[in-house]
Amino acid sequence: MKLPLVMGAALLCAVRAEGNDSLLTPHATGVLTPIDEVPTKAALTEAFGSADGLRAIALDRSIDVGVQLRAIRALPTLCPDPPAACPAAHDTLAAIIAAEQGAPRVPASTVRLRAAIEAFGALRSGNVGDVGVVGTFLGAPDPAQPGRIVGGDPSRDIRTAAARALRGMCTADARDRLSGAYSGEQIAQVKLEIQQSLTALRACLP
């Protein structure tokens, strides 16, 4: 199930209109640029206040892709408990996934998509449709040909990210989606990630 691309386009346009100069201050840039440490929730809160403050940077393709990737990955960290009460992060990540899903697949697009998928899984939002958003990248069993998967993303890195994200959702639907993709997956790296996700889901599901 693809998210409507108009949703992603609308959010992206809104961010451009607002501008990010006031958000990407030297302090904010300093929080997002180190590659040898993960920003803490305290540091992110001090720099951005909430996921609303970080979303514009996560959506803006005009800034350095490394900074943007760290903003994307940091969105779940700024969510309160429970994560289901975090629409700013959820809708932002959904918009990035939809936009990159329909964009020409260049290296920057691939890494943005991968980061957004993994962060989407980390939200643990509980939204019923989230499994479908992520699961579409793994494909689905072909009812006419057992053992064959139809659809799915051609990139093994994206499929690996999708398997990891489904693990974080901890739902029976996520388990079923992973089980369906396992038999038809041909790449060992992705198959291993699916297997590890299924093992983790067995531990978290009742």
C-alpha atoms as a PDB file:
ATOM      1  CA  MET A   1       0.000   0.000   0.000  1.00  0.00           C
ATOM      2  CA  LYS A   2       1.601   3.251  -1.129  1.00  0.00           C
ATOM      3  CA  LEU A   3       0.831   6.387   0.805  1.00  0.00           C
ATOM      4  CA  PRO A   4      -0.620   9.137  -1.364  1.00  0.00           C
ATOM      5  CA  LEU A   5       2.286  11.110  -2.772  1.00  0.00           C
ATOM      6  CA  VAL A   6       0.255  14.291  -2.477  1.00  0.00           C
ATOM      7  CA  MET A   7       0.568  13.999   1.309  1.00  0.00           C
ATOM      8  CA  GLY A   8       4.355  14.027   1.109  1.00  0.00           C
ATOM      9  CA  ALA A   9       4.365  16.845  -1.433  1.00  0.00           C
ATOM     10  CA  ALA A  10       2.080  18.978   0.724  1.00  0.00           C
ATOM     11  CA  LEU A  11       4.279  18.613   3.777  1.00  0.00           C
ATOM     12  CA  LEU A  12       7.449  19.281   1.809  1.00  0.00           C
ATOM     13  CA  CYS A  13       5.974  22.436   0.284  1.00  0.00           C
ATOM     14  CA  ALA A  14       4.811  23.632   3.675  1.00  0.00           C
ATOM     15  CA  VAL A  15       8.314  23.309   5.064  1.00  0.00           C
ATOM     16  CA  ARG A  16       9.864  25.227   2.175  1.00  0.00           C
ATOM     17  CA  ALA A  17       7.386  28.047   2.689  1.00  0.00           C
ATOM     18  CA  GLU A  18       8.182  28.323   6.385  1.00  0.00           C
ATOM     19  CA  GLY A  19      11.939  28.197   5.965  1.00  0.00           C
ATOM     20  CA  ASN A  20      14.453  26.440   8.203  1.00  0.00           C
ATOM     21  CA  ASP A  21      17.018  29.138   8.860  1.00  0.00           C
ATOM     22  CA  SER A  22      15.723  29.795  12.364  1.00  0.00           C
ATOM     23  CA  LEU A  23      15.729  26.077  13.224  1.00  0.00           C
ATOM     24  CA  LEU A  24      19.125  25.079  11.900  1.00  0.00           C
ATOM     25  CA  THR A  25      21.068  27.251  14.323  1.00  0.00           C
ATOM     26  CA  PRO A  26      24.745  26.564  15.049  1.00  0.00           C
ATOM     27  CA  HIS A  27      23.677  24.800  18.251  1.00  0.00           C
ATOM     28  CA  ALA A  28      21.102  22.660  16.458  1.00  0.00           C
ATOM     29  CA  THR A  29      23.627  21.814  13.763  1.00  0.00           C
ATOM     30  CA  GLY A  30      26.129  20.820  16.418  1.00  0.00           C
ATOM     31  CA  VAL A  31      23.631  18.428  17.977  1.00  0.00           C
ATOM     32  CA  LEU A  32      22.889  16.738  14.652  1.00  0.00           C
ATOM     33  CA  THR A  33      26.316  16.551  13.001  1.00  0.00           C
ATOM     34  CA  PRO A  34      28.569  14.393  15.254  1.00  0.00           C
ATOM     35  CA  ILE A  35      28.949  10.913  13.781  1.00  0.00           C
ATOM     36  CA  ASP A  36      30.579   9.264  16.782  1.00  0.00           C
ATOM     37  CA  GLU A  37      27.633   9.633  19.177  1.00  0.00           C
ATOM     38  CA  VAL A  38      23.845   9.495  19.126  1.00  0.00           C
ATOM     39  CA  PRO A  39      22.090  12.705  20.245  1.00  0.00           C
ATOM     40  CA  THR A  40      20.399  12.253  23.612  1.00  0.00           C
ATOM     41  CA  LYS A  41      16.778  13.166  24.215  1.00  0.00           C
ATOM     42  CA  ALA A  42      17.942  15.952  26.536  1.00  0.00           C
ATOM     43  CA  ALA A  43      20.217  17.458  23.862  1.00  0.00           C
ATOM     44  CA  LEU A  44      17.518  17.181  21.190  1.00  0.00           C
ATOM     45  CA  THR A  45      14.892  18.733  23.474  1.00  0.00           C
ATOM     46  CA  GLU A  46      17.192  21.640  24.317  1.00  0.00           C
ATOM     47  CA  ALA A  47      17.944  22.276  20.637  1.00  0.00           C
ATOM     48  CA  PHE A  48      14.484  21.713  19.112  1.00  0.00           C
ATOM     49  CA  GLY A  49      11.931  21.563  21.914  1.00  0.00           C
ATOM     50  CA  SER A  50       9.822  18.820  20.354  1.00  0.00           C
ATOM     51  CA  ALA A  51       9.364  16.705  17.243  1.00  0.00           C
ATOM     52  CA  ASP A  52       7.561  19.700  15.706  1.00  0.00           C
ATOM     53  CA  GLY A  53      10.806  21.653  15.822  1.00  0.00           C
ATOM     54  CA  LEU A  54      12.811  18.861  14.213  1.00  0.00           C
ATOM     55  CA  ARG A  55      10.370  17.879  11.451  1.00  0.00           C
ATOM     56  CA  ALA A  56      11.222  20.794   9.143  1.00  0.00           C
ATOM     57  CA  ILE A  57      14.870  19.744   9.035  1.00  0.00           C
ATOM     58  CA  ALA A  58      13.937  16.115   8.460  1.00  0.00           C
ATOM     59  CA  LEU A  59      11.810  17.111   5.461  1.00  0.00           C
ATOM     60  CA  ASP A  60      14.115  19.667   3.826  1.00  0.00           C
ATOM     61  CA  ARG A  61      16.178  18.194   0.976  1.00  0.00           C
ATOM     62  CA  SER A  62      18.111  21.423   0.556  1.00  0.00           C
ATOM     63  CA  ILE A  63      20.234  20.882   3.666  1.00  0.00           C
ATOM     64  CA  ASP A  64      23.186  18.530   4.060  1.00  0.00           C
ATOM     65  CA  VAL A  65      21.978  14.953   3.691  1.00  0.00           C
ATOM     66  CA  GLY A  66      23.975  13.815   6.731  1.00  0.00           C
ATOM     67  CA  VAL A  67      22.231  16.371   8.958  1.00  0.00           C
ATOM     68  CA  GLN A  68      18.873  15.447   7.438  1.00  0.00           C
ATOM     69  CA  LEU A  69      19.434  11.734   8.092  1.00  0.00           C
ATOM     70  CA  ARG A  70      20.239  12.358  11.735  1.00  0.00           C
ATOM     71  CA  ALA A  71      17.116  14.505  12.041  1.00  0.00           C
ATOM     72  CA  ILE A  72      15.013  11.699  10.545  1.00  0.00           C
ATOM     73  CA  ARG A  73      16.483   9.123  12.923  1.00  0.00           C
ATOM     74  CA  ALA A  74      16.091  11.464  15.903  1.00  0.00           C
ATOM     75  CA  LEU A  75      12.348  12.033  15.468  1.00  0.00           C
ATOM     76  CA  PRO A  76      11.262   8.985  17.546  1.00  0.00           C
ATOM     77  CA  THR A  77      13.622  10.046  20.338  1.00  0.00           C
ATOM     78  CA  LEU A  78      11.710  13.295  20.781  1.00  0.00           C
ATOM     79  CA  CYS A  79       8.350  11.552  21.063  1.00  0.00           C
ATOM     80  CA  PRO A  80       6.682  11.455  24.479  1.00  0.00           C
ATOM     81  CA  ASP A  81       5.431   8.252  26.087  1.00  0.00           C
ATOM     82  CA  PRO A  82       3.429   6.599  24.696  1.00  0.00           C
ATOM     83  CA  PRO A  83       4.814   7.110  21.164  1.00  0.00           C
ATOM     84  CA  ALA A  84       1.267   6.874  19.742  1.00  0.00           C
ATOM     85  CA  ALA A  85       0.792  10.489  20.890  1.00  0.00           C
ATOM     86  CA  CYS A  86       3.397  11.806  18.446  1.00  0.00           C
ATOM     87  CA  PRO A  87       1.654  12.809  15.209  1.00  0.00           C
ATOM     88  CA  ALA A  88       4.400  15.252  14.214  1.00  0.00           C
ATOM     89  CA  ALA A  89       6.972  12.460  13.943  1.00  0.00           C
ATOM     90  CA  HIS A  90       4.542   9.889  12.531  1.00  0.00           C
ATOM     91  CA  ASP A  91       3.197  12.114   9.755  1.00  0.00           C
ATOM     92  CA  THR A  92       6.641  13.470   8.904  1.00  0.00           C
ATOM     93  CA  LEU A  93       8.153  10.004   8.509  1.00  0.00           C
ATOM     94  CA  ALA A  94       5.125   8.803   6.541  1.00  0.00           C
ATOM     95  CA  ALA A  95       5.521  11.771   4.206  1.00  0.00           C
ATOM     96  CA  ILE A  96       9.228  11.075   3.669  1.00  0.00           C
ATOM     97  CA  ILE A  97       8.517   7.415   2.912  1.00  0.00           C
ATOM     98  CA  ALA A  98       5.791   8.346   0.424  1.00  0.00           C
ATOM     99  CA  ALA A  99       7.919  10.982  -1.286  1.00  0.00           C
ATOM    100  CA  GLU A 100      11.023   8.809  -1.599  1.00  0.00           C
ATOM    101  CA  GLN A 101       8.954   5.817  -2.697  1.00  0.00           C
ATOM    102  CA  GLY A 102       7.888   7.788  -5.766  1.00  0.00           C
ATOM    103  CA  ALA A 103      11.184   9.607  -6.398  1.00  0.00           C
ATOM    104  CA  PRO A 104      13.989   8.507  -8.759  1.00  0.00           C
ATOM    105  CA  ARG A 105      16.141   6.073  -6.781  1.00  0.00           C
ATOM    106  CA  VAL A 106      19.486   7.800  -6.361  1.00  0.00           C
ATOM    107  CA  PRO A 107      21.889   7.131  -3.460  1.00  0.00           C
ATOM    108  CA  ALA A 108      20.636  10.070  -1.365  1.00  0.00           C
ATOM    109  CA  SER A 109      17.037   8.969  -1.892  1.00  0.00           C
ATOM    110  CA  THR A 110      17.854   5.405  -0.848  1.00  0.00           C
ATOM    111  CA  VAL A 111      19.521   6.423   2.416  1.00  0.00           C
ATOM    112  CA  ARG A 112      16.699   8.842   3.264  1.00  0.00           C
ATOM    113  CA  LEU A 113      14.131   6.128   2.619  1.00  0.00           C
ATOM    114  CA  ARG A 114      16.032   3.589   4.685  1.00  0.00           C
ATOM    115  CA  ALA A 115      16.377   5.998   7.622  1.00  0.00           C
ATOM    116  CA  ALA A 116      12.690   6.921   7.490  1.00  0.00           C
ATOM    117  CA  ILE A 117      11.541   3.290   7.392  1.00  0.00           C
ATOM    118  CA  GLU A 118      13.680   2.358  10.397  1.00  0.00           C
ATOM    119  CA  ALA A 119      12.541   5.428  12.352  1.00  0.00           C
ATOM    120  CA  PHE A 120       8.914   4.674  11.446  1.00  0.00           C
ATOM    121  CA  GLY A 121       9.252   1.251  13.034  1.00  0.00           C
ATOM    122  CA  ALA A 122      10.899   2.743  16.117  1.00  0.00           C
ATOM    123  CA  LEU A 123       7.824   4.919  16.738  1.00  0.00           C
ATOM    124  CA  ARG A 124       5.757   1.873  17.830  1.00  0.00           C
ATOM    125  CA  SER A 125       2.714   3.996  17.050  1.00  0.00           C
ATOM    126  CA  GLY A 126       0.148   1.203  17.158  1.00  0.00           C
ATOM    127  CA  ASN A 127      -1.523   2.573  14.015  1.00  0.00           C
ATOM    128  CA  VAL A 128      -3.169  -0.265  12.096  1.00  0.00           C
ATOM    129  CA  GLY A 129      -1.962   0.952   8.695  1.00  0.00           C
ATOM    130  CA  ASP A 130       1.717   1.231   9.615  1.00  0.00           C
ATOM    131  CA  VAL A 131       2.440  -2.447   8.962  1.00  0.00           C
ATOM    132  CA  GLY A 132       1.155  -2.006   5.417  1.00  0.00           C
ATOM    133  CA  VAL A 133       3.265   1.105   4.843  1.00  0.00           C
ATOM    134  CA  VAL A 134       6.460  -0.742   5.776  1.00  0.00           C
ATOM    135  CA  GLY A 135       5.473  -4.224   4.625  1.00  0.00           C
ATOM    136  CA  THR A 136       5.008  -3.085   1.028  1.00  0.00           C
ATOM    137  CA  PHE A 137       8.804  -2.877   0.719  1.00  0.00           C
ATOM    138  CA  LEU A 138       9.117  -6.597   1.509  1.00  0.00           C
ATOM    139  CA  GLY A 139       6.511  -7.650  -1.029  1.00  0.00           C
ATOM    140  CA  ALA A 140       3.851 -10.311  -0.484  1.00  0.00           C
ATOM    141  CA  PRO A 141       3.449 -14.014  -1.315  1.00  0.00           C
ATOM    142  CA  ASP A 142       2.144 -14.760  -4.816  1.00  0.00           C
ATOM    143  CA  PRO A 143      -1.021 -16.870  -4.353  1.00  0.00           C
ATOM    144  CA  ALA A 144      -0.542 -18.358  -7.827  1.00  0.00           C
ATOM    145  CA  GLN A 145       3.061 -19.439  -7.245  1.00  0.00           C
ATOM    146  CA  PRO A 146       3.932 -20.638  -3.719  1.00  0.00           C
ATOM    147  CA  GLY A 147       7.367 -19.536  -2.583  1.00  0.00           C
ATOM    148  CA  ARG A 148       7.392 -16.504  -4.888  1.00  0.00           C
ATOM    149  CA  ILE A 149       7.146 -12.921  -3.687  1.00  0.00           C
ATOM    150  CA  VAL A 150       5.488 -10.228  -5.756  1.00  0.00           C
ATOM    151  CA  GLY A 151       6.163  -6.540  -5.352  1.00  0.00           C
ATOM    152  CA  GLY A 152       8.740  -5.482  -2.821  1.00  0.00           C
ATOM    153  CA  ASP A 153      11.636  -3.105  -3.205  1.00  0.00           C
ATOM    154  CA  PRO A 154      14.550  -4.023  -5.480  1.00  0.00           C
ATOM    155  CA  SER A 155      17.073  -2.795  -2.896  1.00  0.00           C
ATOM    156  CA  ARG A 156      18.128  -5.409  -0.345  1.00  0.00           C
ATOM    157  CA  ASP A 157      19.045  -2.577   2.031  1.00  0.00           C
ATOM    158  CA  ILE A 158      15.497  -1.226   1.906  1.00  0.00           C
ATOM    159  CA  ARG A 159      14.031  -4.699   2.406  1.00  0.00           C
ATOM    160  CA  THR A 160      16.375  -5.227   5.352  1.00  0.00           C
ATOM    161  CA  ALA A 161      15.269  -1.907   6.849  1.00  0.00           C
ATOM    162  CA  ALA A 162      11.625  -2.892   6.391  1.00  0.00           C
ATOM    163  CA  ALA A 163      12.155  -6.206   8.187  1.00  0.00           C
ATOM    164  CA  ARG A 164      13.842  -4.406  11.067  1.00  0.00           C
ATOM    165  CA  ALA A 165      11.066  -1.812  11.283  1.00  0.00           C
ATOM    166  CA  LEU A 166       8.349  -4.484  11.433  1.00  0.00           C
ATOM    167  CA  ARG A 167      10.180  -6.057  14.360  1.00  0.00           C
ATOM    168  CA  GLY A 168       9.732  -2.847  16.333  1.00  0.00           C
ATOM    169  CA  MET A 169       5.976  -2.699  15.697  1.00  0.00           C
ATOM    170  CA  CYS A 170       5.355  -5.864  17.740  1.00  0.00           C
ATOM    171  CA  THR A 171       1.967  -6.821  16.255  1.00  0.00           C
ATOM    172  CA  ALA A 172       0.503 -10.030  14.864  1.00  0.00           C
ATOM    173  CA  ASP A 173       0.111  -8.286  11.493  1.00  0.00           C
ATOM    174  CA  ALA A 174       3.830  -7.535  11.438  1.00  0.00           C
ATOM    175  CA  ARG A 175       4.606 -11.173  12.232  1.00  0.00           C
ATOM    176  CA  ASP A 176       2.334 -12.380   9.437  1.00  0.00           C
ATOM    177  CA  ARG A 177       3.881  -9.976   6.936  1.00  0.00           C
ATOM    178  CA  LEU A 178       7.385 -11.150   7.810  1.00  0.00           C
ATOM    179  CA  SER A 179       6.390 -14.824   7.667  1.00  0.00           C
ATOM    180  CA  GLY A 180       4.901 -14.313   4.230  1.00  0.00           C
ATOM    181  CA  ALA A 181       8.050 -12.645   2.903  1.00  0.00           C
ATOM    182  CA  TYR A 182      10.509 -15.132   4.406  1.00  0.00           C
ATOM    183  CA  SER A 183       9.922 -18.087   2.077  1.00  0.00           C
ATOM    184  CA  GLY A 184      10.230 -16.037  -1.090  1.00  0.00           C
ATOM    185  CA  GLU A 185      13.228 -13.904  -0.107  1.00  0.00           C
ATOM    186  CA  GLN A 186      16.356 -14.867  -2.066  1.00  0.00           C
ATOM    187  CA  ILE A 187      18.996 -12.664  -0.417  1.00  0.00           C
ATOM    188  CA  ALA A 188      20.611 -14.178   2.681  1.00  0.00           C
ATOM    189  CA  GLN A 189      21.130 -10.797   4.382  1.00  0.00           C
ATOM    190  CA  VAL A 190      17.432  -9.947   4.144  1.00  0.00           C
ATOM    191  CA  LYS A 191      16.337 -13.482   5.059  1.00  0.00           C
ATOM    192  CA  LEU A 192      18.457 -13.349   8.218  1.00  0.00           C
ATOM    193  CA  GLU A 193      16.948 -10.002   9.213  1.00  0.00           C
ATOM    194  CA  ILE A 194      13.446 -11.395   8.706  1.00  0.00           C
ATOM    195  CA  GLN A 195      14.322 -14.440  10.814  1.00  0.00           C
ATOM    196  CA  GLN A 196      15.718 -12.281  13.619  1.00  0.00           C
ATOM    197  CA  SER A 197      12.616 -10.084  13.507  1.00  0.00           C
ATOM    198  CA  LEU A 198      10.334 -13.113  13.755  1.00  0.00           C
ATOM    199  CA  THR A 199      12.292 -14.353  16.767  1.00  0.00           C
ATOM    200  CA  ALA A 200      11.966 -10.946  18.448  1.00  0.00           C
ATOM    201  CA  LEU A 201       8.246 -10.827  17.717  1.00  0.00           C
ATOM    202  CA  ARG A 202       7.701 -14.230  19.301  1.00  0.00           C
ATOM    203  CA  ALA A 203       9.147 -12.800  22.491  1.00  0.00           C
ATOM    204  CA  CYS A 204       7.026  -9.639  22.543  1.00  0.00           C
ATOM    205  CA  LEU A 205       3.680 -10.996  21.375  1.00  0.00           C
ATOM    206  CA  PRO A 206       1.329 -12.758  23.816  1.00  0.00           C
END
